[in-house]
């Protein structure tokens, strides 16, 4: 029995599912920050740690998903290596505050001294 055509079909299905999975991950990373009429526009080139809070409650650290339980430990380790590190928090405008508050507490408890809340410039 020749199984080559079946292997070809299975390989095509694997590639299809890998591509669809990557598209789903890319779509999940979209965060729409809240709009504000005040604030400053960041002009200097820096590379802060970015924490993303999505409207479904998912948390990302520099674009990588992370459990809320591991966030404090990871931040604590990075602050131990670089005490002057800045944290940039990008929360979705539709995410409830009950999801944002524990993240802000973890940042404070890790000893971070520079926290930036990212917003969009609105009218």
N, C-alpha and C. Protein backbone atom coordinates (compact mmCIF):
# COMPACT_ATOMS: atom_id res chain seq x y z
N UNK A 1 0.85 -1.18 0.00
CA UNK A 1 0.00 0.00 0.00
C UNK A 1 0.90 1.25 0.00
N UNK A 2 0.57 2.18 -0.85
CA UNK A 2 1.33 3.42 -0.97
C UNK A 2 0.75 4.47 -0.03
N UNK A 3 1.51 4.91 0.98
CA UNK A 3 1.03 5.89 1.96
C UNK A 3 1.54 7.30 1.69
N UNK A 4 2.26 7.50 0.61
CA UNK A 4 2.81 8.81 0.29
C UNK A 4 1.72 9.88 0.17
N UNK A 5 0.59 9.62 -0.54
CA UNK A 5 -0.45 10.66 -0.61
C UNK A 5 -1.03 11.01 0.76
N UNK A 6 -1.16 10.02 1.63
CA UNK A 6 -1.70 10.29 2.97
C UNK A 6 -0.71 11.15 3.77
N UNK A 7 0.56 10.88 3.65
CA UNK A 7 1.57 11.69 4.34
C UNK A 7 1.54 13.12 3.82
N UNK A 8 1.37 13.29 2.52
CA UNK A 8 1.27 14.63 1.94
C UNK A 8 0.08 15.40 2.51
N UNK A 9 -1.05 14.76 2.61
CA UNK A 9 -2.24 15.41 3.15
C UNK A 9 -2.04 15.77 4.62
N UNK A 10 -1.45 14.88 5.40
CA UNK A 10 -1.20 15.15 6.81
C UNK A 10 -0.25 16.33 6.97
N UNK A 11 0.79 16.40 6.15
CA UNK A 11 1.72 17.52 6.22
C UNK A 11 1.04 18.85 5.89
N UNK A 12 0.17 18.85 4.91
CA UNK A 12 -0.57 20.07 4.55
C UNK A 12 -1.47 20.48 5.71
N UNK A 13 -2.12 19.53 6.36
CA UNK A 13 -2.97 19.85 7.51
C UNK A 13 -2.15 20.40 8.67
N UNK A 14 -0.99 19.85 8.92
CA UNK A 14 -0.13 20.35 10.00
C UNK A 14 0.28 21.78 9.73
N UNK A 15 0.70 22.06 8.51
CA UNK A 15 1.09 23.43 8.15
C UNK A 15 -0.10 24.37 8.28
N UNK A 16 -1.27 23.93 7.84
CA UNK A 16 -2.47 24.76 7.95
C UNK A 16 -2.77 25.10 9.41
N UNK A 17 -2.72 24.12 10.30
CA UNK A 17 -3.02 24.38 11.71
C UNK A 17 -1.95 25.25 12.37
N UNK A 18 -0.71 25.10 11.98
CA UNK A 18 0.34 25.97 12.51
C UNK A 18 0.11 27.43 12.10
N UNK A 19 -0.28 27.63 10.85
CA UNK A 19 -0.53 29.00 10.37
C UNK A 19 -1.75 29.61 11.05
N UNK A 20 -2.82 28.85 11.18
CA UNK A 20 -4.02 29.35 11.84
C UNK A 20 -3.75 29.66 13.30
N UNK A 21 -2.99 28.81 13.96
CA UNK A 21 -2.63 29.06 15.36
C UNK A 21 -1.82 30.33 15.52
N UNK A 22 -0.89 30.59 14.62
CA UNK A 22 -0.08 31.81 14.69
C UNK A 22 -0.95 33.04 14.44
N UNK A 23 -1.89 32.94 13.52
CA UNK A 23 -2.80 34.07 13.28
C UNK A 23 -3.66 34.35 14.50
N UNK A 24 -4.08 33.31 15.19
CA UNK A 24 -4.89 33.51 16.40
C UNK A 24 -4.07 34.18 17.49
N UNK A 25 -2.80 33.82 17.62
CA UNK A 25 -1.94 34.45 18.62
C UNK A 25 -1.71 35.91 18.25
N UNK A 26 -1.45 36.21 16.98
CA UNK A 26 -1.23 37.59 16.55
C UNK A 26 -2.46 38.45 16.79
N UNK A 27 -3.62 37.90 16.57
CA UNK A 27 -4.85 38.66 16.76
C UNK A 27 -5.10 38.93 18.24
N UNK A 28 -4.65 38.03 19.10
CA UNK A 28 -4.86 38.19 20.53
C UNK A 28 -4.02 39.32 21.10
N UNK A 29 -2.89 39.65 20.47
CA UNK A 29 -1.98 40.65 21.00
C UNK A 29 -2.45 42.08 20.75
N UNK A 30 -3.54 42.26 20.07
CA UNK A 30 -4.02 43.61 19.82
C UNK A 30 -4.60 44.20 21.09
N UNK A 31 -4.06 45.33 21.50
CA UNK A 31 -4.54 46.04 22.67
C UNK A 31 -4.88 47.45 22.23
N UNK A 32 -6.08 47.89 22.58
CA UNK A 32 -6.50 49.26 22.29
C UNK A 32 -6.44 50.03 23.60
N UNK A 33 -5.41 50.88 23.78
CA UNK A 33 -5.31 51.62 25.04
C UNK A 33 -6.39 52.67 25.17
N UNK A 34 -6.69 53.10 26.38
CA UNK A 34 -7.70 54.15 26.57
C UNK A 34 -7.21 55.48 26.00
N UNK A 35 -8.16 56.32 25.61
CA UNK A 35 -7.83 57.63 25.04
C UNK A 35 -7.79 58.67 26.16
N UNK A 36 -6.91 59.63 26.02
CA UNK A 36 -6.79 60.72 26.98
C UNK A 36 -6.41 62.00 26.24
N UNK A 37 -6.82 63.13 26.79
CA UNK A 37 -6.48 64.41 26.19
C UNK A 37 -5.24 65.00 26.82
N UNK A 38 -4.78 64.45 27.93
CA UNK A 38 -3.60 64.98 28.62
C UNK A 38 -2.48 63.96 28.60
N UNK A 39 -1.33 64.37 29.05
CA UNK A 39 -0.19 63.46 29.12
C UNK A 39 0.95 63.99 28.29
N UNK A 40 2.04 63.23 28.26
CA UNK A 40 3.20 63.63 27.49
C UNK A 40 3.47 62.58 26.43
N UNK A 41 4.07 63.02 25.35
CA UNK A 41 4.46 62.10 24.29
C UNK A 41 5.90 61.70 24.53
N UNK A 42 6.13 60.41 24.59
CA UNK A 42 7.47 59.89 24.86
C UNK A 42 8.35 60.15 23.64
N UNK A 43 9.45 60.86 23.83
CA UNK A 43 10.33 61.19 22.72
C UNK A 43 11.67 60.49 22.79
N UNK A 44 12.12 60.12 23.97
CA UNK A 44 13.43 59.49 24.07
C UNK A 44 13.34 58.01 23.75
N UNK A 45 14.40 57.50 23.18
CA UNK A 45 14.46 56.09 22.82
C UNK A 45 14.88 55.28 24.02
N UNK A 46 13.98 54.44 24.52
CA UNK A 46 14.27 53.55 25.63
C UNK A 46 13.65 52.20 25.34
N UNK A 47 14.00 51.25 26.15
CA UNK A 47 13.45 49.92 25.97
C UNK A 47 12.91 49.43 27.32
N UNK A 48 11.74 49.93 27.73
CA UNK A 48 11.20 49.48 29.02
C UNK A 48 10.58 48.09 28.88
N UNK A 49 10.35 47.47 30.01
CA UNK A 49 9.59 46.22 30.03
C UNK A 49 8.14 46.58 29.77
N UNK A 50 7.50 45.87 28.87
CA UNK A 50 6.12 46.15 28.53
C UNK A 50 5.23 45.04 29.05
N UNK A 51 4.23 45.42 29.84
CA UNK A 51 3.24 44.48 30.34
C UNK A 51 1.94 44.79 29.63
N UNK A 52 1.38 43.82 28.96
CA UNK A 52 0.12 43.98 28.26
C UNK A 52 -1.00 43.30 29.02
N UNK A 53 -2.11 44.01 29.16
CA UNK A 53 -3.29 43.45 29.81
C UNK A 53 -4.41 43.48 28.79
N UNK A 54 -4.85 42.32 28.37
CA UNK A 54 -5.86 42.21 27.33
C UNK A 54 -7.26 42.23 27.93
N UNK A 55 -8.24 42.51 27.09
CA UNK A 55 -9.61 42.63 27.61
C UNK A 55 -10.16 41.30 28.11
N UNK A 56 -9.57 40.19 27.67
CA UNK A 56 -10.03 38.89 28.17
C UNK A 56 -9.29 38.48 29.45
N UNK A 57 -8.42 39.36 29.97
CA UNK A 57 -7.72 39.09 31.21
C UNK A 57 -6.35 38.48 31.04
N UNK A 58 -5.95 38.18 29.80
CA UNK A 58 -4.63 37.61 29.56
C UNK A 58 -3.56 38.67 29.78
N UNK A 59 -2.42 38.24 30.30
CA UNK A 59 -1.32 39.14 30.60
C UNK A 59 -0.11 38.71 29.77
N UNK A 60 0.57 39.69 29.19
CA UNK A 60 1.79 39.41 28.45
C UNK A 60 2.93 40.24 29.04
N UNK A 61 4.12 39.68 28.98
CA UNK A 61 5.33 40.36 29.42
C UNK A 61 6.26 40.42 28.22
N UNK A 62 6.46 41.63 27.69
CA UNK A 62 7.24 41.84 26.46
C UNK A 62 6.71 40.99 25.31
N UNK A 63 5.39 40.89 25.21
CA UNK A 63 4.75 40.17 24.12
C UNK A 63 4.57 38.69 24.33
N UNK A 64 5.15 38.14 25.37
CA UNK A 64 5.04 36.71 25.66
C UNK A 64 3.98 36.49 26.75
N UNK A 65 3.06 35.56 26.55
CA UNK A 65 2.05 35.30 27.60
C UNK A 65 2.71 34.84 28.89
N UNK A 66 2.15 35.29 30.01
CA UNK A 66 2.67 34.92 31.33
C UNK A 66 1.50 34.77 32.28
N UNK A 67 1.60 33.81 33.18
CA UNK A 67 0.57 33.64 34.20
C UNK A 67 0.68 34.77 35.22
N UNK A 68 -0.45 35.17 35.77
CA UNK A 68 -0.45 36.23 36.78
C UNK A 68 0.35 35.80 38.01
N UNK A 69 0.39 34.51 38.29
CA UNK A 69 1.14 34.01 39.45
C UNK A 69 2.65 34.17 39.27
N UNK A 70 3.13 34.11 38.05
CA UNK A 70 4.56 34.19 37.77
C UNK A 70 5.04 35.61 37.53
N UNK A 71 4.13 36.56 37.36
CA UNK A 71 4.50 37.93 37.00
C UNK A 71 5.39 38.57 38.06
N UNK A 72 5.02 38.46 39.32
CA UNK A 72 5.81 39.09 40.40
C UNK A 72 7.23 38.55 40.42
N UNK A 73 7.39 37.24 40.34
CA UNK A 73 8.72 36.65 40.37
C UNK A 73 9.58 37.09 39.20
N UNK A 74 8.99 37.15 38.03
CA UNK A 74 9.74 37.58 36.85
C UNK A 74 10.16 39.05 36.97
N UNK A 75 9.24 39.90 37.42
CA UNK A 75 9.57 41.32 37.60
C UNK A 75 10.64 41.49 38.68
N UNK A 76 10.51 40.75 39.76
CA UNK A 76 11.47 40.84 40.85
C UNK A 76 12.87 40.47 40.37
N UNK A 77 12.96 39.44 39.55
CA UNK A 77 14.26 39.03 39.01
C UNK A 77 14.85 40.08 38.08
N UNK A 78 14.02 40.69 37.24
CA UNK A 78 14.54 41.69 36.31
C UNK A 78 14.92 42.98 37.03
N UNK A 79 14.19 43.34 38.07
CA UNK A 79 14.52 44.53 38.84
C UNK A 79 15.81 44.29 39.65
N UNK A 80 16.03 43.06 40.10
CA UNK A 80 17.27 42.76 40.82
C UNK A 80 18.49 42.94 39.91
N UNK A 81 18.33 42.61 38.62
CA UNK A 81 19.43 42.79 37.68
C UNK A 81 19.62 44.25 37.27
N UNK A 82 18.51 45.01 37.17
CA UNK A 82 18.58 46.40 36.75
C UNK A 82 17.58 47.22 37.56
N UNK A 83 18.00 47.82 38.69
CA UNK A 83 17.07 48.53 39.58
C UNK A 83 16.40 49.75 38.96
N UNK A 84 16.98 50.34 37.92
CA UNK A 84 16.41 51.54 37.30
C UNK A 84 15.54 51.23 36.10
N UNK A 85 15.08 50.02 36.00
CA UNK A 85 14.28 49.60 34.86
C UNK A 85 12.90 50.22 34.91
N UNK A 86 12.42 50.67 33.76
CA UNK A 86 11.08 51.25 33.67
C UNK A 86 10.10 50.19 33.18
N UNK A 87 8.87 50.29 33.66
CA UNK A 87 7.80 49.37 33.27
C UNK A 87 6.75 50.17 32.52
N UNK A 88 6.35 49.68 31.37
CA UNK A 88 5.30 50.30 30.58
C UNK A 88 4.09 49.37 30.59
N UNK A 89 2.95 49.86 31.09
CA UNK A 89 1.73 49.05 31.21
C UNK A 89 0.77 49.46 30.10
N UNK A 90 0.44 48.49 29.24
CA UNK A 90 -0.52 48.72 28.16
C UNK A 90 -1.76 47.89 28.46
N UNK A 91 -2.77 48.54 29.04
CA UNK A 91 -4.02 47.84 29.35
C UNK A 91 -5.06 48.19 28.30
N UNK A 92 -5.82 47.21 27.89
CA UNK A 92 -6.89 47.45 26.93
C UNK A 92 -7.97 48.31 27.57
N UNK A 93 -8.57 49.17 26.78
CA UNK A 93 -9.59 50.07 27.34
C UNK A 93 -10.81 49.32 27.85
N UNK A 94 -11.02 48.10 27.38
CA UNK A 94 -12.17 47.32 27.81
C UNK A 94 -11.84 46.33 28.93
N UNK A 95 -10.58 46.30 29.38
CA UNK A 95 -10.24 45.36 30.45
C UNK A 95 -10.73 45.92 31.78
N UNK A 96 -11.35 45.07 32.59
CA UNK A 96 -11.87 45.56 33.89
C UNK A 96 -10.74 45.87 34.86
N UNK A 97 -10.99 46.79 35.75
CA UNK A 97 -9.96 47.21 36.71
C UNK A 97 -9.58 46.08 37.66
N UNK A 98 -10.47 45.13 37.88
CA UNK A 98 -10.14 44.02 38.77
C UNK A 98 -9.04 43.14 38.18
N UNK A 99 -8.76 43.28 36.87
CA UNK A 99 -7.65 42.57 36.24
C UNK A 99 -6.39 43.44 36.29
N UNK A 100 -6.54 44.76 36.16
CA UNK A 100 -5.41 45.67 36.12
C UNK A 100 -4.80 45.87 37.50
N UNK A 101 -5.63 45.96 38.52
CA UNK A 101 -5.15 46.26 39.88
C UNK A 101 -4.10 45.28 40.40
N UNK A 102 -4.32 43.96 40.29
CA UNK A 102 -3.28 43.04 40.79
C UNK A 102 -1.94 43.19 40.05
N UNK A 103 -1.99 43.52 38.78
CA UNK A 103 -0.76 43.72 38.03
C UNK A 103 -0.01 44.94 38.57
N UNK A 104 -0.73 46.03 38.82
CA UNK A 104 -0.11 47.23 39.37
C UNK A 104 0.46 46.97 40.76
N UNK A 105 -0.23 46.16 41.56
CA UNK A 105 0.28 45.80 42.89
C UNK A 105 1.55 44.96 42.78
N UNK A 106 1.59 44.02 41.82
CA UNK A 106 2.80 43.22 41.63
C UNK A 106 3.98 44.09 41.22
N UNK A 107 3.72 45.07 40.37
CA UNK A 107 4.78 45.98 39.93
C UNK A 107 5.31 46.77 41.12
N UNK A 108 4.40 47.29 41.93
CA UNK A 108 4.80 48.06 43.12
C UNK A 108 5.57 47.19 44.10
N UNK A 109 5.08 45.98 44.35
CA UNK A 109 5.71 45.09 45.32
C UNK A 109 7.09 44.61 44.86
N UNK A 110 7.31 44.60 43.54
CA UNK A 110 8.62 44.19 43.01
C UNK A 110 9.66 45.30 43.18
N UNK A 111 9.23 46.49 43.57
CA UNK A 111 10.16 47.58 43.81
C UNK A 111 10.40 48.47 42.61
N UNK A 112 9.50 48.45 41.65
CA UNK A 112 9.66 49.28 40.47
C UNK A 112 9.39 50.74 40.84
N UNK A 113 10.27 51.63 40.39
CA UNK A 113 10.11 53.04 40.70
C UNK A 113 9.59 53.86 39.53
N UNK A 114 9.64 53.32 38.32
CA UNK A 114 9.17 54.04 37.14
C UNK A 114 8.10 53.21 36.43
N UNK A 115 6.86 53.68 36.51
CA UNK A 115 5.75 53.00 35.85
C UNK A 115 5.12 53.98 34.87
N UNK A 116 4.91 53.54 33.63
CA UNK A 116 4.26 54.35 32.62
C UNK A 116 2.97 53.66 32.22
N UNK A 117 1.88 54.40 32.23
CA UNK A 117 0.60 53.88 31.77
C UNK A 117 0.39 54.41 30.35
N UNK A 118 0.31 53.51 29.39
CA UNK A 118 0.23 53.87 27.99
C UNK A 118 -1.22 54.18 27.62
N UNK A 119 -1.41 55.32 26.95
CA UNK A 119 -2.73 55.72 26.46
C UNK A 119 -2.59 56.21 25.03
N UNK A 120 -3.72 56.37 24.36
CA UNK A 120 -3.75 56.99 23.05
C UNK A 120 -4.10 58.45 23.21
N UNK A 121 -3.57 59.28 22.35
CA UNK A 121 -3.92 60.69 22.42
C UNK A 121 -5.28 60.87 21.76
N UNK A 122 -6.22 61.34 22.54
CA UNK A 122 -7.57 61.56 22.03
C UNK A 122 -7.93 63.03 22.11
N UNK A 123 -9.14 63.34 21.74
CA UNK A 123 -9.55 64.75 21.79
C UNK A 123 -10.38 65.06 23.00
